Each structure stands twice: as structure tokens, then as C-alpha cells.
Protein backbone atom coordinates (compact mmCIF):
# COMPACT_ATOMS: atom_id res chain seq x y z
CA MET A 1 -21.13 77.05 -41.99
CA SER A 2 -20.88 74.94 -38.86
CA ILE A 3 -20.21 74.54 -35.16
CA ARG A 4 -16.66 73.26 -34.79
CA PHE A 5 -14.79 71.88 -31.77
CA GLU A 6 -11.07 71.36 -32.31
CA LYS A 7 -9.17 69.44 -29.60
CA VAL A 8 -11.23 71.15 -26.90
CA SER A 9 -10.62 70.59 -23.20
CA TYR A 10 -12.26 72.36 -20.29
CA THR A 11 -11.43 72.26 -16.59
CA TYR A 12 -13.67 73.66 -13.87
CA ASP A 13 -12.15 75.40 -10.82
CA ARG A 14 -8.60 75.29 -12.16
CA LYS A 15 -5.78 75.43 -9.64
CA THR A 16 -8.12 74.83 -6.71
CA PRO A 17 -8.80 71.70 -4.61
CA PHE A 18 -12.07 71.33 -6.57
CA GLU A 19 -10.44 71.16 -10.00
CA LYS A 20 -12.37 68.89 -12.38
CA GLU A 21 -11.60 68.03 -15.99
CA ALA A 22 -15.03 68.09 -17.68
CA LEU A 23 -14.02 67.79 -21.35
CA ILE A 24 -10.86 66.23 -22.74
CA ASP A 25 -9.33 66.72 -26.21
CA THR A 26 -12.71 66.67 -27.97
CA SER A 27 -13.16 67.33 -31.70
CA PHE A 28 -16.32 67.27 -33.83
CA GLU A 29 -18.24 69.42 -36.30
CA ILE A 30 -21.98 70.09 -36.60
CA LYS A 31 -22.96 71.33 -40.03
CA GLU A 32 -25.79 73.77 -40.64
CA GLY A 33 -29.10 71.93 -41.03
CA GLU A 34 -28.00 68.79 -39.16
CA SER A 35 -30.03 67.02 -36.48
CA LEU A 36 -27.81 65.80 -33.65
CA SER A 37 -28.22 64.30 -30.19
CA ILE A 38 -25.48 64.51 -27.57
CA LEU A 39 -25.71 61.50 -25.26
CA GLY A 40 -24.08 60.75 -21.94
CA LYS A 41 -24.78 60.06 -18.30
CA THR A 42 -25.00 62.83 -15.70
CA GLY A 43 -21.61 64.48 -15.26
CA SER A 44 -20.20 63.17 -18.54
CA GLY A 45 -19.55 66.64 -20.02
CA LYS A 46 -22.68 67.16 -22.15
CA SER A 47 -23.81 70.44 -20.61
CA THR A 48 -20.24 71.74 -20.70
CA ILE A 49 -20.36 71.36 -24.49
CA LEU A 50 -23.48 73.54 -24.63
CA GLN A 51 -21.90 76.28 -22.54
CA LEU A 52 -18.83 76.21 -24.77
CA MET A 53 -21.02 76.52 -27.87
CA ASN A 54 -22.46 79.90 -26.97
CA GLY A 55 -19.37 81.30 -25.29
CA THR A 56 -20.67 81.15 -21.72
CA ILE A 57 -17.36 79.50 -20.90
CA LYS A 58 -14.11 79.47 -22.92
CA PRO A 59 -12.02 76.36 -23.69
CA THR A 60 -9.11 75.65 -21.37
CA MET A 61 -7.38 74.25 -24.42
CA GLY A 62 -8.35 73.99 -28.09
CA LYS A 63 -10.79 76.04 -30.14
CA VAL A 64 -14.58 76.38 -30.52
CA GLU A 65 -15.81 78.16 -33.66
CA ILE A 66 -19.34 79.09 -34.72
CA ASP A 67 -19.47 79.77 -38.46
CA GLY A 68 -15.75 80.50 -38.33
CA MET A 69 -16.04 82.85 -35.32
CA PRO A 70 -13.97 81.76 -32.28
CA THR A 71 -15.95 81.89 -29.04
CA SER A 72 -12.78 82.96 -27.23
CA ASP A 73 -12.87 86.32 -29.05
CA LYS A 74 -15.34 88.60 -27.24
CA ASN A 75 -15.77 90.66 -30.43
CA PHE A 76 -17.76 87.77 -31.94
CA LEU A 77 -19.93 86.90 -28.93
CA PHE A 78 -22.88 89.03 -30.03
CA GLU A 79 -23.15 87.23 -33.40
CA ILE A 80 -22.43 83.85 -31.85
CA ARG A 81 -25.21 84.18 -29.30
CA LYS A 82 -27.56 85.35 -32.00
CA SER A 83 -26.79 82.20 -34.01
CA ILE A 84 -26.94 79.76 -31.09
CA GLY A 85 -30.42 79.56 -29.55
CA LEU A 86 -29.86 77.76 -26.26
CA VAL A 87 -32.81 76.45 -24.23
CA PHE A 88 -31.75 75.24 -20.79
CA GLN A 89 -33.21 72.21 -19.00
CA TYR A 90 -35.54 74.33 -16.87
CA PRO A 91 -35.67 77.59 -18.85
CA GLU A 92 -38.83 78.74 -17.07
CA HIS A 93 -36.71 79.24 -13.94
CA GLN A 94 -35.11 82.19 -15.73
CA PHE A 95 -38.35 84.07 -16.45
CA PHE A 96 -38.33 87.64 -15.20
CA ALA A 97 -40.86 89.71 -17.21
CA ASP A 98 -44.43 90.60 -16.23
CA THR A 99 -45.97 89.27 -19.44
CA VAL A 100 -45.21 86.56 -21.98
CA TYR A 101 -44.93 89.31 -24.61
CA GLU A 102 -42.13 91.06 -22.74
CA GLU A 103 -40.43 87.76 -21.96
CA VAL A 104 -40.24 86.73 -25.61
CA ALA A 105 -39.37 90.30 -26.70
CA PHE A 106 -36.20 90.45 -24.59
CA GLY A 107 -33.95 88.53 -27.01
CA PRO A 108 -35.06 90.16 -30.28
CA ARG A 109 -34.68 93.62 -28.76
CA ASN A 110 -31.19 92.82 -27.52
CA PHE A 111 -30.25 91.69 -31.02
CA GLY A 112 -31.30 95.01 -32.53
CA MET A 113 -34.76 94.40 -33.97
CA ASN A 114 -37.06 97.41 -34.15
CA GLU A 115 -40.44 97.26 -32.40
CA LYS A 116 -42.35 96.25 -35.51
CA GLU A 117 -39.91 93.39 -36.16
CA VAL A 118 -40.06 92.40 -32.48
CA ASP A 119 -43.86 92.25 -32.55
CA THR A 120 -43.85 90.12 -35.72
CA ALA A 121 -41.19 87.79 -34.29
CA ILE A 122 -43.15 87.32 -31.06
CA ARG A 123 -46.43 86.49 -32.76
CA GLU A 124 -44.85 84.12 -35.27
CA SER A 125 -42.82 82.28 -32.62
CA ILE A 126 -45.84 81.92 -30.32
CA LYS A 127 -47.81 80.34 -33.18
CA THR A 128 -44.87 78.12 -34.11
CA VAL A 129 -44.72 76.51 -30.65
CA GLY A 130 -48.48 75.86 -30.71
CA LEU A 131 -49.72 78.48 -28.26
CA GLU A 132 -52.73 80.74 -28.72
CA LEU A 133 -51.89 84.41 -29.24
CA ASP A 134 -53.87 85.49 -26.19
CA VAL A 135 -51.10 84.01 -24.03
CA ILE A 136 -48.91 87.05 -24.76
CA SER A 137 -50.87 89.19 -22.29
CA LYS A 138 -50.56 86.66 -19.45
CA SER A 139 -47.88 86.42 -16.79
CA PRO A 140 -45.32 83.73 -17.67
CA PHE A 141 -45.51 82.62 -14.03
CA ALA A 142 -49.29 82.02 -14.20
CA ILE A 143 -49.43 79.57 -17.12
CA SER A 144 -49.06 75.78 -17.07
CA GLY A 145 -45.73 73.96 -17.01
CA GLY A 146 -46.06 72.86 -20.64
CA GLU A 147 -46.92 76.40 -21.70
CA LYS A 148 -43.90 77.76 -19.84
CA ARG A 149 -41.64 75.39 -21.74
CA LYS A 150 -43.17 76.52 -25.04
CA VAL A 151 -42.73 80.20 -24.12
CA ALA A 152 -39.05 79.52 -23.40
CA ILE A 153 -38.66 77.91 -26.83
CA ALA A 154 -40.55 80.79 -28.46
CA SER A 155 -38.07 83.20 -26.85
CA VAL A 156 -35.25 81.47 -28.70
CA ILE A 157 -37.09 81.12 -32.01
CA ALA A 158 -38.00 84.82 -31.99
CA CYS A 159 -34.30 85.70 -32.12
CA GLY A 160 -33.94 84.00 -35.50
CA SER A 161 -31.25 81.58 -34.29
CA LYS A 162 -30.19 79.02 -36.91
CA TYR A 163 -28.75 76.52 -34.40
CA LEU A 164 -31.45 75.47 -31.91
CA VAL A 165 -29.89 73.76 -28.90
CA PHE A 166 -31.86 72.09 -26.10
CA ASP A 167 -30.61 70.73 -22.77
CA GLU A 168 -32.70 67.70 -21.67
CA PRO A 169 -35.85 69.21 -23.29
CA THR A 170 -38.26 66.35 -22.48
CA SER A 171 -37.19 65.73 -18.88
CA SER A 172 -40.41 67.18 -17.43
CA LEU A 173 -42.78 66.54 -20.35
CA ASP A 174 -45.48 63.88 -20.54
CA PRO A 175 -45.34 61.53 -23.58
CA THR A 176 -47.88 63.53 -25.59
CA SER A 177 -46.04 66.80 -25.02
CA ALA A 178 -42.72 65.14 -25.83
CA GLN A 179 -44.04 63.89 -29.17
CA ALA A 180 -45.36 67.38 -29.95
CA PHE A 181 -41.91 68.76 -29.16
CA PHE A 182 -40.20 66.40 -31.59
CA LYS A 183 -42.77 67.21 -34.26
CA MET A 184 -41.87 70.85 -33.77
CA LEU A 185 -38.18 70.00 -34.25
CA GLU A 186 -39.03 68.31 -37.54
CA ASP A 187 -40.71 71.51 -38.68
CA PHE A 188 -37.60 73.51 -37.73
CA ARG A 189 -35.38 71.13 -39.70
CA SER A 190 -37.64 71.45 -42.75
CA LYS A 191 -36.85 75.18 -42.62
CA GLY A 192 -33.10 74.52 -42.65
CA LYS A 193 -32.38 75.01 -38.95
CA SER A 194 -29.99 72.77 -37.04
CA THR A 195 -31.55 70.95 -34.07
CA ILE A 196 -29.30 69.74 -31.28
CA ILE A 197 -30.33 68.18 -27.99
CA VAL A 198 -28.51 66.92 -24.94
CA THR A 199 -30.19 63.78 -23.63
CA HIS A 200 -29.59 60.53 -21.80
CA SER A 201 -32.36 58.78 -23.79
CA VAL A 202 -30.99 56.45 -26.44
CA GLU A 203 -34.54 55.86 -27.68
CA GLU A 204 -35.03 59.60 -28.37
CA ALA A 205 -31.71 59.80 -30.17
CA ILE A 206 -32.47 56.88 -32.48
CA SER A 207 -36.09 57.86 -33.15
CA HIS A 208 -35.68 61.56 -33.84
CA PHE A 209 -32.09 62.40 -34.85
CA GLU A 210 -29.91 61.46 -37.80
CA ARG A 211 -26.59 61.68 -35.98
CA ALA A 212 -25.43 61.14 -32.41
CA ILE A 213 -22.33 61.65 -30.35
CA ILE A 214 -21.68 60.01 -26.99
CA ILE A 215 -19.61 61.66 -24.27
CA SER A 216 -18.21 59.53 -21.46
CA ASN A 217 -16.04 60.91 -18.65
CA GLY A 218 -15.31 64.01 -20.70
CA LYS A 219 -14.25 62.12 -23.82
CA LEU A 220 -15.93 61.68 -27.19
CA VAL A 221 -16.43 57.90 -27.51
CA PHE A 222 -18.87 57.74 -30.45
CA ASP A 223 -19.75 59.96 -33.40
CA GLY A 224 -21.90 58.51 -36.14
CA GLU A 225 -25.37 57.66 -37.43
CA SER A 226 -27.96 57.27 -34.69
CA LYS A 227 -28.92 53.77 -35.85
CA ASP A 228 -25.39 52.60 -35.02
CA ILE A 229 -25.68 53.56 -31.34
CA LEU A 230 -27.00 50.08 -30.52
CA LYS A 231 -23.72 48.56 -31.72
CA GLN A 232 -21.96 50.27 -28.80
CA ASN A 233 -21.54 48.93 -25.27
CA LEU A 234 -23.99 51.46 -23.87
CA THR A 235 -23.89 50.30 -20.26
CA GLU A 236 -20.16 51.03 -20.24
CA PHE A 237 -21.06 54.67 -20.91
CA GLY A 238 -23.83 54.76 -18.29
CA LEU A 239 -26.64 54.60 -20.88
CA LEU A 240 -29.60 52.24 -21.16
CA PRO A 241 -30.67 50.68 -24.48
CA PRO A 242 -34.27 51.40 -25.56
CA PRO A 243 -36.93 49.33 -23.71
CA MET A 244 -37.58 46.97 -26.64
CA GLU A 245 -33.87 46.21 -26.94
CA ARG A 246 -33.72 45.42 -23.22
CA ILE A 247 -36.74 43.12 -23.56
CA LYS A 248 -35.12 41.28 -26.48
CA ASP A 249 -31.91 40.85 -24.48
CA MET A 250 -33.89 39.53 -21.50
CA ILE A 251 -35.77 37.02 -23.67
CA LYS A 252 -32.53 35.87 -25.28
CA LYS A 253 -30.88 35.47 -21.90
CA GLU A 254 -33.78 33.56 -20.38
CA CYS A 255 -34.91 31.51 -23.38
CA GLY A 256 -31.89 31.04 -25.60
CA ASP A 257 -31.34 31.93 -29.24
CA LEU A 258 -33.64 34.76 -30.35
CA HIS A 259 -33.85 33.57 -33.97
CA ARG A 260 -34.89 30.09 -32.79
CA ILE A 261 -37.62 31.64 -30.62
CA LYS A 262 -38.94 33.60 -33.61
CA GLU A 263 -39.06 30.41 -35.70
CA LEU A 264 -40.98 28.55 -33.02
CA ILE A 265 -43.46 31.39 -32.55
CA HIS A 266 -44.00 31.52 -36.32
CA LYS A 267 -44.74 27.77 -36.33
CA ASP A 268 -46.91 28.03 -33.18
CA ASP A 269 -44.69 25.33 -31.71
CA PHE A 270 -43.83 26.24 -28.12
CA ARG A 271 -43.02 22.73 -26.90
CA SER A 272 -39.27 23.27 -27.29
CA VAL A 273 -39.17 26.67 -25.60
């Protein structure tokens, strides 16, 4: 079972003066249980991939399949959207219910759970994201920003989705909250769920995900193990290496050979530096 893109292209505003090719002849597969980051600068085509995954938009060319179900066939959209749990960059902007309980209940009810199953799903998902159960009686608009983000994630978890997909999930989180988020993703993976994020942070990709793909100007330019990202010319793709890599490059540029510097530091001999 997998998410599969086969020679997929997508063009926004076709046959208008605003026509823009967002994705070009892109092929990859995400197997069930994988952890994957999708990297790229703003406007590279990352978010277009997410919309194609859950059938919000259909490929201009090529095929997108979720567990063998083509997203272009409307008969499969119900099952596809049940499988793909998509959390947008600012999901709290889409809140509409009076209470957290009703907010989280919306998805499970739409996917056919009875009220007992809905109640169980809500309570389990709220606990999973690290919130206290008393939050379910509160207005989703009256809780903190971090709590809102957790409620949005709980809404997806409650649906039982096996592919959890996040668009720039840490963009508004402080470092402590971001680390808690990644710990939560590890827990999801231990339960066999796929975790996929769109990000521009190379450091996040290397630290928390086994595999990465890089999208640049609508094209897939890298697909491999996260540790191999640093072998790429990241600046060419509009990405920054992790801070420590940039510091090492700066030292090498300013002081010469990095291995020689390490030897001198080890010997406590700085006269030649």
C-alpha cells in the first residue's frame, strides 16, 4: 500500500494569462509506514503535491494513486480522504465549531463513525496530542496558539488516517513545542502510520525523517536518504544548510583546511591558524 505519483504535472489557471506550471513530470512513491520530508523553497510546488495527494486538485497530466485508488476518480475520494490526514500550515484558521469536542468530531462523523466511536476517537486523539481532556468543552477560538495546533492535529488523528501529512507544521511553534511535535510523530510511526511533512528546513528533514525529496521549480531534483541531502547543492534549490554546516563552511572559508584546523585545536597549537 502506498501513495504513488506517476509522471504527474499540474498547471494552475490553464488557458488564462495567469497560467503557471507548478509541477512537472514528477514520479515518486511513499510506502505505508515511511517517514518523509518534502523540501523546497516557497513556490517550488510542495503544497501542490499535498493538494494532489488528497484529491483537492486533479493532475493535469499523469496519475496520483492512494493505495491503488486514483484521485481522479470521484468514486474513490471518500476513502482517499479518510486515508490521507492533511493538516494545513495554519489549520486553526479553519475552525468553525463552538467547542473543541465538536471541532474534532466533525471528521469522524463524516466518515461514518457512530456517536460512541466518535466520543472514543475524540478522547483518545486529545490525549495523544498531549492536551488535557477538559479542553473538549472549551471554544477552539479561546485556547492558546499551541493548543489550537494540537486540536487541529487531533481532528486528523481522530479520523484514523494512516498517512499523516503536515504542511509547514513548525512554522509558528517555539523550539520546545517543535520538539514535542516531532516526538509525537515518532509515536505515530511506532504505530505504523506514515508521517509526511512539507518544510523548508533541511535541519528538520535530516534530524527527524528517514527519507527526503526536494522539489525545485516544479521538478523532483532529489529523492533519497535524508543524510544525503547535504551532498546536494542546496543553495541552487533555494535551501539553506543546517546552521552547524554553515558555520563549518564559514570557518573553512576564513581559516583554510578544516581537517588542519581540527588537528591544531587537538594539539592546542594555534600559532599556525
